[in-house]
Each structure stands twice: as structure tokens, then as C-alpha cells.
Amino acid sequence: MQIEYALEPELSAEEFRAVLLSSTLAERRPAQDLARLDSMLRHADLIVTARAGGVLVGISRAVTDFSYCCYLSDLAVDAAYQRQGIGKRLIEETHRAAGEGTTLILVAAPAAEGYYPKIGMKHLASCWAIPRKR
């Protein structure tokens, strides 16, 4: 089945939750809090989707200034559709939409650390964070 990619700034929290649950990303996201998922979507700068026959099978959610940097905060592909190049294409479409002058940055989930070098991403050794308080 052909996969269709699009920018979908109005994606619903329900569809977002469904793809989080069908991938492994729900383990690290507030998948049961629809209000928070909706807020995550409404405050993102880019939402790129992958659909098979109209069904959401992948998403990239990013925050960017469209000129220097792009933080890809969520990359999720339904487990039944993984290993078909969908994640790589979502990253490419996100980077294209953010602009070629941007550096695309993401923090890999532990289970996905081996994936990113395979698609040509460079590993950066240093990352710092202040944890969420809730």
C-alpha cells in the first residue's frame, strides 16, 4: 500500500494517541492524557504524517525556528509498518519543511539508538536536560 506524507497542523489528539500506542513511543509519552497530547500538537511548529489508505501510521512532531535549528521531539511509526522507510521519510519531510538551513536534532529512545546511524544521522555525545516536574 502506498504511503502518503503530509503536513497536518490540525491532527487530532485521538489520532496522535493511536499512533503512539501502536508504536513503542507511548511508553515515554502521556498517551492517556488527551488534553496534554492536544496541547503538544497545538504548540508544535511542524506535524508531518504518514498515512496508509487514510489511516495514520506515522508521525513526526517538531519545534523549529525555520532558520537554524529543528528539534524533532516525536517520531512514531506503527509497529506493523516499521522497516519500510517510513521513519526515514518522516525525518526527511520534517527537515525539508523546517528548511535546509536548519540542523535537525532529536533524542533517541533507547530501543531506537541503533536506527539513526543507519539512516545517516550523526551521533552527538552531549545532551543536557532539566526534567519535567509533572
C-alpha atoms as a PDB file:
ATOM      1  CA  MET A   1       0.000   0.000   0.000  1.00  0.00           C
ATOM      2  CA  GLN A   2       1.269   3.451  -0.891  1.00  0.00           C
ATOM      3  CA  ILE A   3       2.138   5.768   1.996  1.00  0.00           C
ATOM      4  CA  GLU A   4       1.070   9.409   1.721  1.00  0.00           C
ATOM      5  CA  TYR A   5       3.027  12.103   3.590  1.00  0.00           C
ATOM      6  CA  ALA A   6       1.579  15.487   4.524  1.00  0.00           C
ATOM      7  CA  LEU A   7       1.829  18.427   6.872  1.00  0.00           C
ATOM      8  CA  GLU A   8      -1.164  18.148   9.220  1.00  0.00           C
ATOM      9  CA  PRO A   9      -1.152  21.012  11.732  1.00  0.00           C
ATOM     10  CA  GLU A  10      -4.719  20.170  12.810  1.00  0.00           C
ATOM     11  CA  LEU A  11      -4.089  16.489  13.603  1.00  0.00           C
ATOM     12  CA  SER A  12      -6.357  15.288  16.406  1.00  0.00           C
ATOM     13  CA  ALA A  13      -5.101  14.167  19.786  1.00  0.00           C
ATOM     14  CA  GLU A  14      -7.035  10.906  19.333  1.00  0.00           C
ATOM     15  CA  GLU A  15      -5.123  10.018  16.155  1.00  0.00           C
ATOM     16  CA  PHE A  16      -1.845  11.080  17.766  1.00  0.00           C
ATOM     17  CA  ARG A  17      -2.574   8.807  20.725  1.00  0.00           C
ATOM     18  CA  ALA A  18      -3.448   5.891  18.438  1.00  0.00           C
ATOM     19  CA  VAL A  19      -0.086   6.029  16.651  1.00  0.00           C
ATOM     20  CA  LEU A  20       1.769   6.463  19.945  1.00  0.00           C
ATOM     21  CA  LEU A  21       0.074   3.291  21.215  1.00  0.00           C
ATOM     22  CA  SER A  22       0.712   1.330  18.031  1.00  0.00           C
ATOM     23  CA  SER A  23       4.405   2.232  18.179  1.00  0.00           C
ATOM     24  CA  THR A  24       6.703   1.989  21.199  1.00  0.00           C
ATOM     25  CA  LEU A  25       6.604   5.741  21.884  1.00  0.00           C
ATOM     26  CA  ALA A  26       3.565   5.613  24.207  1.00  0.00           C
ATOM     27  CA  GLU A  27       5.878   4.231  26.896  1.00  0.00           C
ATOM     28  CA  ARG A  28       7.574   7.653  27.072  1.00  0.00           C
ATOM     29  CA  ARG A  29       4.668   9.989  26.320  1.00  0.00           C
ATOM     30  CA  PRO A  30       1.497  10.970  28.239  1.00  0.00           C
ATOM     31  CA  ALA A  31      -0.661   8.798  25.976  1.00  0.00           C
ATOM     32  CA  GLN A  32      -3.609   8.681  28.395  1.00  0.00           C
ATOM     33  CA  ASP A  33      -3.797  12.481  28.780  1.00  0.00           C
ATOM     34  CA  LEU A  34      -5.661  13.694  25.680  1.00  0.00           C
ATOM     35  CA  ALA A  35      -5.622  17.321  26.802  1.00  0.00           C
ATOM     36  CA  ARG A  36      -1.846  17.260  27.112  1.00  0.00           C
ATOM     37  CA  LEU A  37      -1.453  15.476  23.758  1.00  0.00           C
ATOM     38  CA  ASP A  38      -3.642  18.144  22.168  1.00  0.00           C
ATOM     39  CA  SER A  39      -1.502  20.874  23.718  1.00  0.00           C
ATOM     40  CA  MET A  40       1.639  19.144  22.413  1.00  0.00           C
ATOM     41  CA  LEU A  41       0.160  19.190  18.912  1.00  0.00           C
ATOM     42  CA  ARG A  42      -1.156  22.760  19.022  1.00  0.00           C
ATOM     43  CA  HIS A  43       2.214  24.140  20.180  1.00  0.00           C
ATOM     44  CA  ALA A  44       4.347  22.208  17.697  1.00  0.00           C
ATOM     45  CA  ASP A  45       5.686  24.041  14.657  1.00  0.00           C
ATOM     46  CA  LEU A  46       5.589  21.024  12.334  1.00  0.00           C
ATOM     47  CA  ILE A  47       3.445  17.918  12.295  1.00  0.00           C
ATOM     48  CA  VAL A  48       4.267  15.555   9.435  1.00  0.00           C
ATOM     49  CA  THR A  49       2.136  12.480   8.989  1.00  0.00           C
ATOM     50  CA  ALA A  50       2.320   9.202   7.099  1.00  0.00           C
ATOM     51  CA  ARG A  51      -0.965   7.570   6.115  1.00  0.00           C
ATOM     52  CA  ALA A  52      -1.767   4.227   4.527  1.00  0.00           C
ATOM     53  CA  GLY A  53      -5.240   4.202   2.993  1.00  0.00           C
ATOM     54  CA  GLY A  54      -6.135   7.229   5.104  1.00  0.00           C
ATOM     55  CA  VAL A  55      -5.068   5.568   8.371  1.00  0.00           C
ATOM     56  CA  LEU A  56      -2.350   7.336  10.374  1.00  0.00           C
ATOM     57  CA  VAL A  57       0.680   5.024  10.556  1.00  0.00           C
ATOM     58  CA  GLY A  58       3.424   7.509  11.407  1.00  0.00           C
ATOM     59  CA  ILE A  59       4.064  10.980  12.769  1.00  0.00           C
ATOM     60  CA  SER A  60       6.883  13.438  13.238  1.00  0.00           C
ATOM     61  CA  ARG A  61       6.278  16.352  15.621  1.00  0.00           C
ATOM     62  CA  ALA A  62       8.871  19.135  15.718  1.00  0.00           C
ATOM     63  CA  VAL A  63       9.678  22.523  17.179  1.00  0.00           C
ATOM     64  CA  THR A  64      11.734  24.823  14.956  1.00  0.00           C
ATOM     65  CA  ASP A  65      12.720  28.409  14.188  1.00  0.00           C
ATOM     66  CA  PHE A  66      12.753  27.539  10.445  1.00  0.00           C
ATOM     67  CA  SER A  67      16.208  29.062  10.016  1.00  0.00           C
ATOM     68  CA  TYR A  68      18.801  27.465  12.292  1.00  0.00           C
ATOM     69  CA  CYS A  69      17.543  24.516  14.308  1.00  0.00           C
ATOM     70  CA  CYS A  70      14.757  21.960  14.383  1.00  0.00           C
ATOM     71  CA  TYR A  71      14.115  19.701  17.374  1.00  0.00           C
ATOM     72  CA  LEU A  72      12.264  16.580  16.293  1.00  0.00           C
ATOM     73  CA  SER A  73      10.549  15.730  19.557  1.00  0.00           C
ATOM     74  CA  ASP A  74       8.346  12.803  18.467  1.00  0.00           C
ATOM     75  CA  LEU A  75       8.921  10.213  15.769  1.00  0.00           C
ATOM     76  CA  ALA A  76       6.497   7.309  15.881  1.00  0.00           C
ATOM     77  CA  VAL A  77       5.672   4.619  13.332  1.00  0.00           C
ATOM     78  CA  ASP A  78       3.062   1.921  13.897  1.00  0.00           C
ATOM     79  CA  ALA A  79       4.941  -1.325  14.636  1.00  0.00           C
ATOM     80  CA  ALA A  80       3.127  -3.080  11.757  1.00  0.00           C
ATOM     81  CA  TYR A  81       4.604  -0.514   9.318  1.00  0.00           C
ATOM     82  CA  GLN A  82       8.159  -0.308  10.617  1.00  0.00           C
ATOM     83  CA  ARG A  83      11.157  -1.302   8.470  1.00  0.00           C
ATOM     84  CA  GLN A  84       9.572   0.185   5.340  1.00  0.00           C
ATOM     85  CA  GLY A  85      11.424   3.514   5.317  1.00  0.00           C
ATOM     86  CA  ILE A  86       8.543   5.495   6.826  1.00  0.00           C
ATOM     87  CA  GLY A  87      10.566   6.860   9.762  1.00  0.00           C
ATOM     88  CA  LYS A  88      13.383   7.956   7.468  1.00  0.00           C
ATOM     89  CA  ARG A  89      10.932   9.656   5.118  1.00  0.00           C
ATOM     90  CA  LEU A  90       9.177  11.421   8.021  1.00  0.00           C
ATOM     91  CA  ILE A  91      12.566  12.778   9.130  1.00  0.00           C
ATOM     92  CA  GLU A  92      13.353  13.916   5.576  1.00  0.00           C
ATOM     93  CA  GLU A  93       9.965  15.620   5.171  1.00  0.00           C
ATOM     94  CA  THR A  94      10.335  17.314   8.563  1.00  0.00           C
ATOM     95  CA  HIS A  95      13.809  18.595   7.707  1.00  0.00           C
ATOM     96  CA  ARG A  96      12.602  19.814   4.288  1.00  0.00           C
ATOM     97  CA  ALA A  97       9.679  21.692   5.883  1.00  0.00           C
ATOM     98  CA  ALA A  98      11.940  23.226   8.559  1.00  0.00           C
ATOM     99  CA  GLY A  99      14.387  24.384   5.909  1.00  0.00           C
ATOM    100  CA  GLU A 100      17.725  23.155   4.663  1.00  0.00           C
ATOM    101  CA  GLY A 101      19.468  25.798   6.771  1.00  0.00           C
ATOM    102  CA  THR A 102      18.358  24.043   9.935  1.00  0.00           C
ATOM    103  CA  THR A 103      20.166  21.366  11.901  1.00  0.00           C
ATOM    104  CA  LEU A 104      17.706  18.639  12.805  1.00  0.00           C
ATOM    105  CA  ILE A 105      18.221  17.306  16.339  1.00  0.00           C
ATOM    106  CA  LEU A 106      16.497  14.504  18.220  1.00  0.00           C
ATOM    107  CA  VAL A 107      16.942  12.481  21.389  1.00  0.00           C
ATOM    108  CA  ALA A 108      16.714   8.774  20.597  1.00  0.00           C
ATOM    109  CA  ALA A 109      14.584   6.374  22.565  1.00  0.00           C
ATOM    110  CA  PRO A 110      16.829   3.638  23.986  1.00  0.00           C
ATOM    111  CA  ALA A 111      15.359   0.986  21.673  1.00  0.00           C
ATOM    112  CA  ALA A 112      15.952   3.189  18.602  1.00  0.00           C
ATOM    113  CA  GLU A 113      19.555   4.273  19.177  1.00  0.00           C
ATOM    114  CA  GLY A 114      20.894   1.885  16.539  1.00  0.00           C
ATOM    115  CA  TYR A 115      18.435   3.101  13.901  1.00  0.00           C
ATOM    116  CA  TYR A 116      19.647   6.666  13.422  1.00  0.00           C
ATOM    117  CA  PRO A 117      23.241   5.932  12.315  1.00  0.00           C
ATOM    118  CA  LYS A 118      21.809   3.575   9.688  1.00  0.00           C
ATOM    119  CA  ILE A 119      19.905   6.427   8.049  1.00  0.00           C
ATOM    120  CA  GLY A 120      22.885   8.773   8.052  1.00  0.00           C
ATOM    121  CA  MET A 121      22.401  10.772  11.230  1.00  0.00           C
ATOM    122  CA  LYS A 122      25.461  11.834  13.195  1.00  0.00           C
ATOM    123  CA  HIS A 123      25.721  10.948  16.895  1.00  0.00           C
ATOM    124  CA  LEU A 124      26.389  13.853  19.256  1.00  0.00           C
ATOM    125  CA  ALA A 125      27.753  12.805  22.633  1.00  0.00           C
ATOM    126  CA  SER A 126      26.415  15.583  24.812  1.00  0.00           C
ATOM    127  CA  CYS A 127      22.849  16.325  25.817  1.00  0.00           C
ATOM    128  CA  TRP A 128      21.605  18.115  28.934  1.00  0.00           C
ATOM    129  CA  ALA A 129      18.110  18.386  30.349  1.00  0.00           C
ATOM    130  CA  ILE A 130      16.034  19.718  33.212  1.00  0.00           C
ATOM    131  CA  PRO A 131      13.392  17.018  33.913  1.00  0.00           C
ATOM    132  CA  ARG A 132       9.635  17.689  33.840  1.00  0.00           C
ATOM    133  CA  LYS A 133       8.117  18.472  37.208  1.00  0.00           C
ATOM    134  CA  ARG A 134       4.835  16.766  36.267  1.00  0.00           C
END
